[in-house]
Amino acid sequence: MIAFAWLAHPTARSIACGLPVAVVGLAIRAWAAGHLEKNQTLATGGPYAWVRNPLYIGTLVAAAGFVVAARSWILAVVFAAVFLLVYLPVVELEEQHLRSLFPEYSAYAERVPSFFPRGRFGAKGASFALRRYLRNEEYLASLGFLSGAAWLLVRLFWF
């Protein structure tokens, strides 16, 4: 967050282009969180029918939107490095954990790609539930988005 605050050099145009992309990322995260019962059932419905890691995809899309809005290639490099060095190893650890919790995970992983959808796979699962979204505390991502957007506006008008 400090790097974002320091390195952001937004313009009205970069904010107008980037924040809608960040909102799409936030929406992907919300959609995924509303289908997820962590460590209780294997999520296979909603975005989990398309990819195994929709929360991370949403994070990546939101980060890309903020990079565009901030107008900083250095932030793009920082966010890419964090994704490669932090998120990808975490995904691997999570997959190992899910394999140990859910015997059906291996078959699911064979059908559904990790990050790049190849089509709809028809997996049935729980439908979106606001209570799951709230229990997963995904609204905190919205607060983070609002904080980032507010900072961009501060940088635009006062710095």
Protein backbone atom coordinates (compact mmCIF):
# COMPACT_ATOMS: atom_id res chain seq x y z
CA MET A 1 0.00 0.00 0.00
CA ILE A 2 2.89 2.37 0.72
CA ALA A 3 4.33 1.73 -2.75
CA PHE A 4 0.92 2.46 -4.27
CA ALA A 5 0.56 5.69 -2.28
CA TRP A 6 4.05 6.86 -3.18
CA LEU A 7 4.22 5.81 -6.82
CA ALA A 8 0.71 6.77 -7.99
CA HIS A 9 0.62 9.64 -10.50
CA PRO A 10 -2.97 9.55 -11.71
CA THR A 11 -4.68 11.72 -14.24
CA ALA A 12 -8.43 12.09 -14.63
CA ARG A 13 -8.19 9.90 -17.73
CA SER A 14 -6.13 7.15 -16.04
CA ILE A 15 -8.62 7.04 -13.16
CA ALA A 16 -11.55 6.93 -15.59
CA CYS A 17 -9.92 4.01 -17.43
CA GLY A 18 -8.49 2.09 -14.48
CA LEU A 19 -11.13 2.21 -11.76
CA PRO A 20 -13.82 0.46 -13.85
CA VAL A 21 -11.34 -2.38 -14.45
CA ALA A 22 -10.69 -2.54 -10.70
CA VAL A 23 -14.46 -2.69 -10.10
CA VAL A 24 -14.67 -5.70 -12.45
CA GLY A 25 -11.96 -7.40 -10.38
CA LEU A 26 -13.86 -6.59 -7.21
CA ALA A 27 -17.05 -8.02 -8.72
CA ILE A 28 -15.25 -11.25 -9.66
CA ARG A 29 -14.00 -11.54 -6.07
CA ALA A 30 -17.50 -10.88 -4.69
CA TRP A 31 -19.03 -13.48 -7.02
CA ALA A 32 -16.45 -16.05 -5.92
CA ALA A 33 -16.78 -15.27 -2.21
CA GLY A 34 -20.54 -15.75 -2.42
CA HIS A 35 -19.98 -19.33 -3.62
CA LEU A 36 -17.27 -20.31 -1.14
CA GLU A 37 -17.70 -22.31 2.08
CA LYS A 38 -14.06 -22.40 3.18
CA ASN A 39 -12.88 -25.84 4.29
CA GLN A 40 -16.45 -27.16 4.42
CA THR A 41 -17.43 -27.98 0.84
CA LEU A 42 -15.59 -27.92 -2.45
CA ALA A 43 -16.74 -24.86 -4.40
CA THR A 44 -17.63 -25.91 -7.96
CA GLY A 45 -20.46 -23.52 -8.85
CA GLY A 46 -20.46 -19.97 -10.13
CA PRO A 47 -16.98 -18.83 -11.13
CA TYR A 48 -15.51 -22.06 -9.73
CA ALA A 49 -17.12 -23.89 -12.66
CA TRP A 50 -14.86 -21.84 -14.96
CA VAL A 51 -11.58 -21.62 -13.00
CA ARG A 52 -10.23 -22.96 -9.71
CA ASN A 53 -8.90 -19.61 -8.50
CA PRO A 54 -11.44 -16.86 -9.21
CA LEU A 55 -10.52 -14.91 -6.06
CA TYR A 56 -6.94 -14.56 -7.30
CA ILE A 57 -8.12 -13.66 -10.79
CA GLY A 58 -10.32 -10.97 -9.28
CA THR A 59 -7.37 -9.68 -7.28
CA LEU A 60 -5.20 -9.61 -10.40
CA VAL A 61 -7.84 -7.73 -12.41
CA ALA A 62 -8.40 -5.24 -9.58
CA ALA A 63 -4.65 -4.69 -9.23
CA ALA A 64 -4.35 -4.16 -12.99
CA GLY A 65 -7.11 -1.57 -12.79
CA PHE A 66 -5.33 0.25 -9.99
CA VAL A 67 -2.05 0.16 -11.93
CA VAL A 68 -3.78 1.79 -14.90
CA ALA A 69 -5.49 4.32 -12.62
CA ALA A 70 -2.21 5.11 -10.83
CA ARG A 71 -0.35 5.45 -14.13
CA SER A 72 2.82 3.81 -12.86
CA TRP A 73 4.83 1.15 -14.69
CA ILE A 74 6.85 0.59 -11.49
CA LEU A 75 3.65 -0.43 -9.71
CA ALA A 76 2.93 -2.83 -12.57
CA VAL A 77 6.31 -4.48 -12.00
CA VAL A 78 5.76 -4.59 -8.21
CA PHE A 79 2.27 -6.10 -8.54
CA ALA A 80 3.49 -8.64 -11.12
CA ALA A 81 6.36 -9.65 -8.83
CA VAL A 82 4.01 -10.05 -5.87
CA PHE A 83 1.68 -12.19 -7.94
CA LEU A 84 4.49 -14.41 -9.19
CA LEU A 85 6.47 -14.64 -5.95
CA VAL A 86 3.66 -14.68 -3.40
CA TYR A 87 0.33 -15.66 -4.93
CA LEU A 88 1.47 -18.52 -7.17
CA PRO A 89 3.20 -20.38 -4.29
CA VAL A 90 0.11 -19.76 -2.11
CA VAL A 91 -2.09 -21.26 -4.83
CA GLU A 92 0.06 -24.39 -4.81
CA LEU A 93 -0.18 -24.70 -1.02
CA GLU A 94 -3.94 -24.18 -1.14
CA GLU A 95 -4.33 -26.86 -3.78
CA GLN A 96 -2.40 -29.32 -1.60
CA HIS A 97 -4.68 -28.42 1.29
CA LEU A 98 -7.82 -28.86 -0.81
CA ARG A 99 -6.62 -32.24 -2.08
CA SER A 100 -6.25 -33.40 1.52
CA LEU A 101 -9.70 -32.08 2.52
CA PHE A 102 -11.73 -33.16 -0.49
CA PRO A 103 -11.08 -36.48 -2.25
CA GLU A 104 -13.01 -35.19 -5.29
CA TYR A 105 -10.61 -32.26 -5.75
CA SER A 106 -8.29 -34.16 -8.12
CA ALA A 107 -11.13 -34.89 -10.55
CA TYR A 108 -12.29 -31.27 -10.28
CA ALA A 109 -8.74 -30.02 -10.97
CA GLU A 110 -8.55 -32.18 -14.10
CA ARG A 111 -11.77 -30.65 -15.47
CA VAL A 112 -11.35 -27.02 -14.42
CA PRO A 113 -8.26 -24.95 -15.25
CA SER A 114 -6.42 -22.99 -12.60
CA PHE A 115 -6.52 -19.50 -14.13
CA PHE A 116 -7.54 -19.42 -17.80
CA PRO A 117 -11.08 -20.62 -18.57
CA ARG A 118 -11.49 -23.00 -21.48
CA GLY A 119 -15.28 -23.02 -21.43
CA ARG A 120 -18.11 -23.83 -19.07
CA PHE A 121 -17.74 -27.22 -17.49
CA GLY A 122 -21.24 -27.64 -16.13
CA ALA A 123 -20.23 -28.35 -12.55
CA LYS A 124 -23.13 -27.97 -10.18
CA GLY A 125 -22.54 -26.24 -6.92
CA ALA A 126 -24.07 -23.89 -4.44
CA SER A 127 -25.55 -20.72 -5.84
CA PHE A 128 -24.40 -17.29 -4.74
CA ALA A 129 -25.35 -16.46 -1.15
CA LEU A 130 -24.93 -13.07 0.46
CA ARG A 131 -24.35 -14.77 3.83
CA ARG A 132 -21.28 -16.55 2.39
CA TYR A 133 -20.03 -13.27 0.93
CA LEU A 134 -20.39 -11.64 4.36
CA ARG A 135 -18.95 -14.61 6.27
CA ASN A 136 -15.92 -14.56 3.99
CA GLU A 137 -15.55 -10.84 4.83
CA GLU A 138 -15.25 -9.91 1.16
CA TYR A 139 -16.69 -6.50 1.94
CA LEU A 140 -13.20 -5.68 3.25
CA ALA A 141 -11.98 -5.78 -0.36
CA SER A 142 -14.58 -3.12 -1.15
CA LEU A 143 -13.22 -0.98 1.68
CA GLY A 144 -9.72 -1.43 0.26
CA PHE A 145 -11.00 -0.40 -3.16
CA LEU A 146 -12.63 2.72 -1.73
CA SER A 147 -9.42 3.61 0.12
CA GLY A 148 -7.34 3.19 -3.03
CA ALA A 149 -9.80 5.19 -5.14
CA ALA A 150 -9.92 7.95 -2.54
CA TRP A 151 -6.12 8.14 -2.46
CA LEU A 152 -5.99 8.43 -6.25
CA LEU A 153 -8.42 11.33 -6.08
CA VAL A 154 -6.35 12.99 -3.35
CA ARG A 155 -3.22 12.60 -5.49
CA LEU A 156 -5.03 13.95 -8.52
CA PHE A 157 -6.42 17.08 -6.89
CA TRP A 158 -3.94 17.96 -4.13
CA PHE A 159 -0.48 16.67 -5.13
